[in-house]
């Protein structure tokens, strides 16, 4: 069985976001959105994109939003 993926959806070696302090991960790119969790200081997640003032991060088979500093 073969699985095909569109190259546009594959990120090779995406950058990491490293938290400088406890940082919330939001469900949507807005501060009043539901919080999915928090990054502890020095924790890291892969950045898979950006929208406005937020990074889109990959977290446990889902995506979340972290405010840019």
PDB file of N, CA and C in Angstrom:
ATOM      1  N   UNK A   1       0.841  -1.179   0.000  1.00  0.00           N
ATOM      2  CA  UNK A   1       0.000   0.000   0.000  1.00  0.00           C
ATOM      3  C   UNK A   1       0.884   1.239   0.000  1.00  0.00           C
ATOM      4  N   UNK A   2       0.588   2.155  -0.881  1.00  0.00           N
ATOM      5  CA  UNK A   2       1.356   3.397  -0.960  1.00  0.00           C
ATOM      6  C   UNK A   2       0.492   4.566  -0.509  1.00  0.00           C
ATOM      7  N   UNK A   3       1.127   5.505   0.140  1.00  0.00           N
ATOM      8  CA  UNK A   3       0.453   6.738   0.565  1.00  0.00           C
ATOM      9  C   UNK A   3       1.175   7.900  -0.103  1.00  0.00           C
ATOM     10  N   UNK A   4       0.405   8.751  -0.761  1.00  0.00           N
ATOM     11  CA  UNK A   4       0.973   9.901  -1.449  1.00  0.00           C
ATOM     12  C   UNK A   4       0.621  11.164  -0.693  1.00  0.00           C
ATOM     13  N   UNK A   5       1.587  12.058  -0.587  1.00  0.00           N
ATOM     14  CA  UNK A   5       1.363  13.343   0.067  1.00  0.00           C
ATOM     15  C   UNK A   5       1.759  14.452  -0.890  1.00  0.00           C
ATOM     16  N   UNK A   6       1.019  15.511  -0.880  1.00  0.00           N
ATOM     17  CA  UNK A   6       1.372  16.689  -1.666  1.00  0.00           C
ATOM     18  C   UNK A   6       2.567  17.357  -0.995  1.00  0.00           C
ATOM     19  N   UNK A   7       3.595  17.650  -1.750  1.00  0.00           N
ATOM     20  CA  UNK A   7       4.808  18.254  -1.195  1.00  0.00           C
ATOM     21  C   UNK A   7       4.516  19.567  -0.474  1.00  0.00           C
ATOM     22  N   UNK A   8       3.464  20.264  -0.846  1.00  0.00           N
ATOM     23  CA  UNK A   8       3.131  21.539  -0.206  1.00  0.00           C
ATOM     24  C   UNK A   8       2.813  21.358   1.278  1.00  0.00           C
ATOM     25  N   UNK A   9       2.491  20.145   1.697  1.00  0.00           N
ATOM     26  CA  UNK A   9       2.139  19.893   3.094  1.00  0.00           C
ATOM     27  C   UNK A   9       3.266  19.283   3.901  1.00  0.00           C
ATOM     28  N   UNK A  10       4.421  19.128   3.306  1.00  0.00           N
ATOM     29  CA  UNK A  10       5.555  18.524   3.990  1.00  0.00           C
ATOM     30  C   UNK A  10       6.575  19.611   4.331  1.00  0.00           C
ATOM     31  N   UNK A  11       6.934  19.698   5.599  1.00  0.00           N
ATOM     32  CA  UNK A  11       7.967  20.647   6.027  1.00  0.00           C
ATOM     33  C   UNK A  11       9.224  19.867   6.370  1.00  0.00           C
ATOM     34  N   UNK A  12      10.297  20.185   5.703  1.00  0.00           N
ATOM     35  CA  UNK A  12      11.563  19.545   5.998  1.00  0.00           C
ATOM     36  C   UNK A  12      12.335  20.395   6.993  1.00  0.00           C
ATOM     37  N   UNK A  13      12.611  19.825   8.130  1.00  0.00           N
ATOM     38  CA  UNK A  13      13.373  20.487   9.183  1.00  0.00           C
ATOM     39  C   UNK A  13      12.765  21.840   9.582  1.00  0.00           C
ATOM     40  N   UNK A  14      11.505  21.850  10.065  1.00  0.00           N
ATOM     41  CA  UNK A  14      10.886  23.115  10.469  1.00  0.00           C
ATOM     42  C   UNK A  14      11.583  23.681  11.710  1.00  0.00           C
ATOM     43  N   UNK A  15      11.564  25.003  11.880  1.00  0.00           N
ATOM     44  CA  UNK A  15      12.212  25.619  13.041  1.00  0.00           C
ATOM     45  C   UNK A  15      11.463  25.290  14.330  1.00  0.00           C
ATOM     46  N   UNK A  16      12.150  25.462  15.447  1.00  0.00           N
ATOM     47  CA  UNK A  16      11.550  25.235  16.762  1.00  0.00           C
ATOM     48  C   UNK A  16      11.299  26.566  17.456  1.00  0.00           C
ATOM     49  N   UNK A  17      10.231  26.606  18.213  1.00  0.00           N
ATOM     50  CA  UNK A  17       9.943  27.728  19.103  1.00  0.00           C
ATOM     51  C   UNK A  17      10.335  27.264  20.496  1.00  0.00           C
ATOM     52  N   UNK A  18      11.209  27.999  21.159  1.00  0.00           N
ATOM     53  CA  UNK A  18      11.630  27.667  22.523  1.00  0.00           C
ATOM     54  C   UNK A  18      11.075  28.737  23.449  1.00  0.00           C
ATOM     55  N   UNK A  19      10.307  28.316  24.446  1.00  0.00           N
ATOM     56  CA  UNK A  19       9.656  29.252  25.364  1.00  0.00           C
ATOM     57  C   UNK A  19      10.668  29.874  26.323  1.00  0.00           C
ATOM     58  N   UNK A  20      10.605  31.199  26.471  1.00  0.00           N
ATOM     59  CA  UNK A  20      11.455  31.920  27.420  1.00  0.00           C
ATOM     60  C   UNK A  20      10.823  31.971  28.803  1.00  0.00           C
ATOM     61  N   UNK A  21       9.539  31.658  28.871  1.00  0.00           N
ATOM     62  CA  UNK A  21       8.763  31.685  30.115  1.00  0.00           C
ATOM     63  C   UNK A  21       7.512  30.845  29.883  1.00  0.00           C
ATOM     64  N   UNK A  22       6.735  30.514  30.920  1.00  0.00           N
ATOM     65  CA  UNK A  22       5.499  29.765  30.673  1.00  0.00           C
ATOM     66  C   UNK A  22       4.635  30.484  29.635  1.00  0.00           C
ATOM     67  N   UNK A  23       4.251  29.760  28.589  1.00  0.00           N
ATOM     68  CA  UNK A  23       3.589  30.353  27.434  1.00  0.00           C
ATOM     69  C   UNK A  23       2.338  29.562  27.069  1.00  0.00           C
ATOM     70  N   UNK A  24       1.173  30.225  26.954  1.00  0.00           N
ATOM     71  CA  UNK A  24      -0.039  29.495  26.584  1.00  0.00           C
ATOM     72  C   UNK A  24      -0.068  29.113  25.103  1.00  0.00           C
ATOM     73  N   UNK A  25      -0.698  27.981  24.830  1.00  0.00           N
ATOM     74  CA  UNK A  25      -0.959  27.530  23.467  1.00  0.00           C
ATOM     75  C   UNK A  25      -2.464  27.663  23.262  1.00  0.00           C
ATOM     76  N   UNK A  26      -2.871  28.450  22.257  1.00  0.00           N
ATOM     77  CA  UNK A  26      -4.282  28.745  22.028  1.00  0.00           C
ATOM     78  C   UNK A  26      -4.858  27.879  20.904  1.00  0.00           C
ATOM     79  N   UNK A  27      -6.180  27.671  20.928  1.00  0.00           N
ATOM     80  CA  UNK A  27      -6.869  26.923  19.882  1.00  0.00           C
ATOM     81  C   UNK A  27      -7.042  27.758  18.616  1.00  0.00           C
ATOM     82  N   UNK A  28      -7.098  29.082  18.773  1.00  0.00           N
ATOM     83  CA  UNK A  28      -7.258  30.019  17.660  1.00  0.00           C
ATOM     84  C   UNK A  28      -6.248  31.153  17.831  1.00  0.00           C
ATOM     85  N   UNK A  29      -5.951  31.887  16.775  1.00  0.00           N
ATOM     86  CA  UNK A  29      -4.972  32.971  16.891  1.00  0.00           C
ATOM     87  C   UNK A  29      -5.564  34.236  17.514  1.00  0.00           C
ATOM     88  N   UNK A  30      -5.996  34.112  18.761  1.00  0.00           N
ATOM     89  CA  UNK A  30      -6.517  35.258  19.516  1.00  0.00           C
ATOM     90  C   UNK A  30      -6.391  34.957  21.003  1.00  0.00           C
ATOM     91  N   UNK A  31      -6.129  36.013  21.797  1.00  0.00           N
ATOM     92  CA  UNK A  31      -5.841  35.818  23.218  1.00  0.00           C
ATOM     93  C   UNK A  31      -7.028  35.350  24.046  1.00  0.00           C
ATOM     94  N   UNK A  32      -8.253  35.565  23.575  1.00  0.00           N
ATOM     95  CA  UNK A  32      -9.414  35.111  24.342  1.00  0.00           C
ATOM     96  C   UNK A  32      -9.886  33.724  23.903  1.00  0.00           C
ATOM     97  N   UNK A  33      -9.108  33.041  23.064  1.00  0.00           N
ATOM     98  CA  UNK A  33      -9.446  31.688  22.614  1.00  0.00           C
ATOM     99  C   UNK A  33      -9.163  30.672  23.717  1.00  0.00           C
ATOM    100  N   UNK A  34      -9.751  29.503  23.579  1.00  0.00           N
ATOM    101  CA  UNK A  34      -9.519  28.406  24.513  1.00  0.00           C
ATOM    102  C   UNK A  34      -8.034  28.067  24.549  1.00  0.00           C
ATOM    103  N   UNK A  35      -7.511  27.824  25.746  1.00  0.00           N
ATOM    104  CA  UNK A  35      -6.111  27.427  25.893  1.00  0.00           C
ATOM    105  C   UNK A  35      -6.011  25.907  25.826  1.00  0.00           C
ATOM    106  N   UNK A  36      -5.159  25.427  24.946  1.00  0.00           N
ATOM    107  CA  UNK A  36      -4.946  23.994  24.798  1.00  0.00           C
ATOM    108  C   UNK A  36      -3.952  23.460  25.813  1.00  0.00           C
ATOM    109  N   UNK A  37      -3.113  24.342  26.329  1.00  0.00           N
ATOM    110  CA  UNK A  37      -2.084  23.956  27.282  1.00  0.00           C
ATOM    111  C   UNK A  37      -1.059  25.058  27.395  1.00  0.00           C
ATOM    112  N   UNK A  38       0.051  24.751  28.031  1.00  0.00           N
ATOM    113  CA  UNK A  38       1.127  25.711  28.238  1.00  0.00           C
ATOM    114  C   UNK A  38       2.463  25.075  27.906  1.00  0.00           C
ATOM    115  N   UNK A  39       3.355  25.893  27.382  1.00  0.00           N
ATOM    116  CA  UNK A  39       4.756  25.505  27.258  1.00  0.00           C
ATOM    117  C   UNK A  39       5.463  25.958  28.526  1.00  0.00           C
ATOM    118  N   UNK A  40       6.236  25.075  29.134  1.00  0.00           N
ATOM    119  CA  UNK A  40       7.061  25.473  30.269  1.00  0.00           C
ATOM    120  C   UNK A  40       8.312  26.165  29.742  1.00  0.00           C
ATOM    121  N   UNK A  41       9.001  26.889  30.586  1.00  0.00           N
ATOM    122  CA  UNK A  41      10.237  27.553  30.201  1.00  0.00           C
ATOM    123  C   UNK A  41      11.202  26.527  29.608  1.00  0.00           C
ATOM    124  N   UNK A  42      11.764  26.849  28.461  1.00  0.00           N
ATOM    125  CA  UNK A  42      12.716  26.042  27.693  1.00  0.00           C
ATOM    126  C   UNK A  42      12.089  24.856  26.966  1.00  0.00           C
ATOM    127  N   UNK A  43      10.759  24.646  27.060  1.00  0.00           N
ATOM    128  CA  UNK A  43      10.108  23.636  26.229  1.00  0.00           C
ATOM    129  C   UNK A  43      10.108  24.134  24.784  1.00  0.00           C
ATOM    130  N   UNK A  44       9.998  23.209  23.843  1.00  0.00           N
ATOM    131  CA  UNK A  44       9.997  23.625  22.436  1.00  0.00           C
ATOM    132  C   UNK A  44       8.928  22.874  21.646  1.00  0.00           C
ATOM    133  N   UNK A  45       8.455  23.518  20.591  1.00  0.00           N
ATOM    134  CA  UNK A  45       7.524  22.933  19.633  1.00  0.00           C
ATOM    135  C   UNK A  45       7.966  23.345  18.236  1.00  0.00           C
ATOM    136  N   UNK A  46       7.605  22.549  17.239  1.00  0.00           N
ATOM    137  CA  UNK A  46       7.926  22.868  15.854  1.00  0.00           C
ATOM    138  C   UNK A  46       6.968  23.926  15.319  1.00  0.00           C
ATOM    139  N   UNK A  47       7.517  24.929  14.650  1.00  0.00           N
ATOM    140  CA  UNK A  47       6.719  25.988  14.019  1.00  0.00           C
ATOM    141  C   UNK A  47       6.380  25.531  12.602  1.00  0.00           C
ATOM    142  N   UNK A  48       5.073  25.451  12.298  1.00  0.00           N
ATOM    143  CA  UNK A  48       4.658  24.976  10.976  1.00  0.00           C
ATOM    144  C   UNK A  48       4.051  26.092  10.126  1.00  0.00           C
ATOM    145  N   UNK A  49       3.997  27.299  10.690  1.00  0.00           N
ATOM    146  CA  UNK A  49       3.463  28.427   9.934  1.00  0.00           C
ATOM    147  C   UNK A  49       3.284  29.631  10.832  1.00  0.00           C
ATOM    148  N   UNK A  50       2.656  30.666  10.290  1.00  0.00           N
ATOM    149  CA  UNK A  50       2.400  31.882  11.055  1.00  0.00           C
ATOM    150  C   UNK A  50       1.153  32.555  10.498  1.00  0.00           C
ATOM    151  N   UNK A  51       0.444  33.240  11.379  1.00  0.00           N
ATOM    152  CA  UNK A  51      -0.715  34.028  10.978  1.00  0.00           C
ATOM    153  C   UNK A  51      -0.765  35.249  11.896  1.00  0.00           C
ATOM    154  N   UNK A  52      -0.760  36.418  11.311  1.00  0.00           N
ATOM    155  CA  UNK A  52      -0.772  37.676  12.055  1.00  0.00           C
ATOM    156  C   UNK A  52       0.307  37.672  13.131  1.00  0.00           C
ATOM    157  N   UNK A  53      -0.069  37.826  14.398  1.00  0.00           N
ATOM    158  CA  UNK A  53       0.898  37.902  15.500  1.00  0.00           C
ATOM    159  C   UNK A  53       1.117  36.567  16.197  1.00  0.00           C
ATOM    160  N   UNK A  54       0.812  35.459  15.518  1.00  0.00           N
ATOM    161  CA  UNK A  54       0.907  34.133  16.127  1.00  0.00           C
ATOM    162  C   UNK A  54       1.703  33.172  15.260  1.00  0.00           C
ATOM    163  N   UNK A  55       2.440  32.285  15.936  1.00  0.00           N
ATOM    164  CA  UNK A  55       3.054  31.141  15.267  1.00  0.00           C
ATOM    165  C   UNK A  55       2.047  29.999  15.305  1.00  0.00           C
ATOM    166  N   UNK A  56       2.004  29.211  14.254  1.00  0.00           N
ATOM    167  CA  UNK A  56       1.242  27.972  14.266  1.00  0.00           C
ATOM    168  C   UNK A  56       2.227  26.875  14.638  1.00  0.00           C
ATOM    169  N   UNK A  57       1.934  26.150  15.707  1.00  0.00           N
ATOM    170  CA  UNK A  57       2.861  25.137  16.203  1.00  0.00           C
ATOM    171  C   UNK A  57       2.224  23.756  16.135  1.00  0.00           C
ATOM    172  N   UNK A  58       3.053  22.763  15.971  1.00  0.00           N
ATOM    173  CA  UNK A  58       2.616  21.378  15.959  1.00  0.00           C
ATOM    174  C   UNK A  58       2.711  20.831  17.373  1.00  0.00           C
ATOM    175  N   UNK A  59       1.572  20.364  17.896  1.00  0.00           N
ATOM    176  CA  UNK A  59       1.591  19.814  19.255  1.00  0.00           C
ATOM    177  C   UNK A  59       0.713  18.562  19.316  1.00  0.00           C
ATOM    178  N   UNK A  60       1.347  17.433  19.485  1.00  0.00           N
ATOM    179  CA  UNK A  60       0.677  16.140  19.638  1.00  0.00           C
ATOM    180  C   UNK A  60      -0.394  15.887  18.581  1.00  0.00           C
ATOM    181  N   UNK A  61       0.020  15.844  17.340  1.00  0.00           N
ATOM    182  CA  UNK A  61      -0.862  15.542  16.196  1.00  0.00           C
ATOM    183  C   UNK A  61      -1.963  16.569  15.978  1.00  0.00           C
ATOM    184  N   UNK A  62      -1.788  17.752  16.514  1.00  0.00           N
ATOM    185  CA  UNK A  62      -2.742  18.848  16.322  1.00  0.00           C
ATOM    186  C   UNK A  62      -1.936  20.124  16.093  1.00  0.00           C
ATOM    187  N   UNK A  63      -2.641  21.206  15.840  1.00  0.00           N
ATOM    188  CA  UNK A  63      -1.983  22.500  15.681  1.00  0.00           C
ATOM    189  C   UNK A  63      -2.529  23.451  16.731  1.00  0.00           C
ATOM    190  N   UNK A  64      -1.671  24.330  17.208  1.00  0.00           N
ATOM    191  CA  UNK A  64      -2.069  25.359  18.160  1.00  0.00           C
ATOM    192  C   UNK A  64      -1.406  26.659  17.761  1.00  0.00           C
ATOM    193  N   UNK A  65      -1.710  27.707  18.492  1.00  0.00           N
ATOM    194  CA  UNK A  65      -1.192  29.046  18.192  1.00  0.00           C
ATOM    195  C   UNK A  65      -0.484  29.618  19.417  1.00  0.00           C
ATOM    196  N   UNK A  66       0.698  30.154  19.190  1.00  0.00           N
ATOM    197  CA  UNK A  66       1.484  30.794  20.242  1.00  0.00           C
ATOM    198  C   UNK A  66       1.777  32.210  19.802  1.00  0.00           C
ATOM    199  N   UNK A  67       1.500  33.173  20.680  1.00  0.00           N
ATOM    200  CA  UNK A  67       1.718  34.592  20.356  1.00  0.00           C
ATOM    201  C   UNK A  67       3.201  34.858  20.154  1.00  0.00           C
ATOM    202  N   UNK A  68       3.517  35.590  19.087  1.00  0.00           N
ATOM    203  CA  UNK A  68       4.894  36.004  18.819  1.00  0.00           C
ATOM    204  C   UNK A  68       5.321  37.021  19.860  1.00  0.00           C
ATOM    205  N   UNK A  69       6.589  37.020  20.183  1.00  0.00           N
ATOM    206  CA  UNK A  69       7.113  38.018  21.128  1.00  0.00           C
ATOM    207  C   UNK A  69       7.966  39.020  20.415  1.00  0.00           C
TER     208      UNK A  69
END
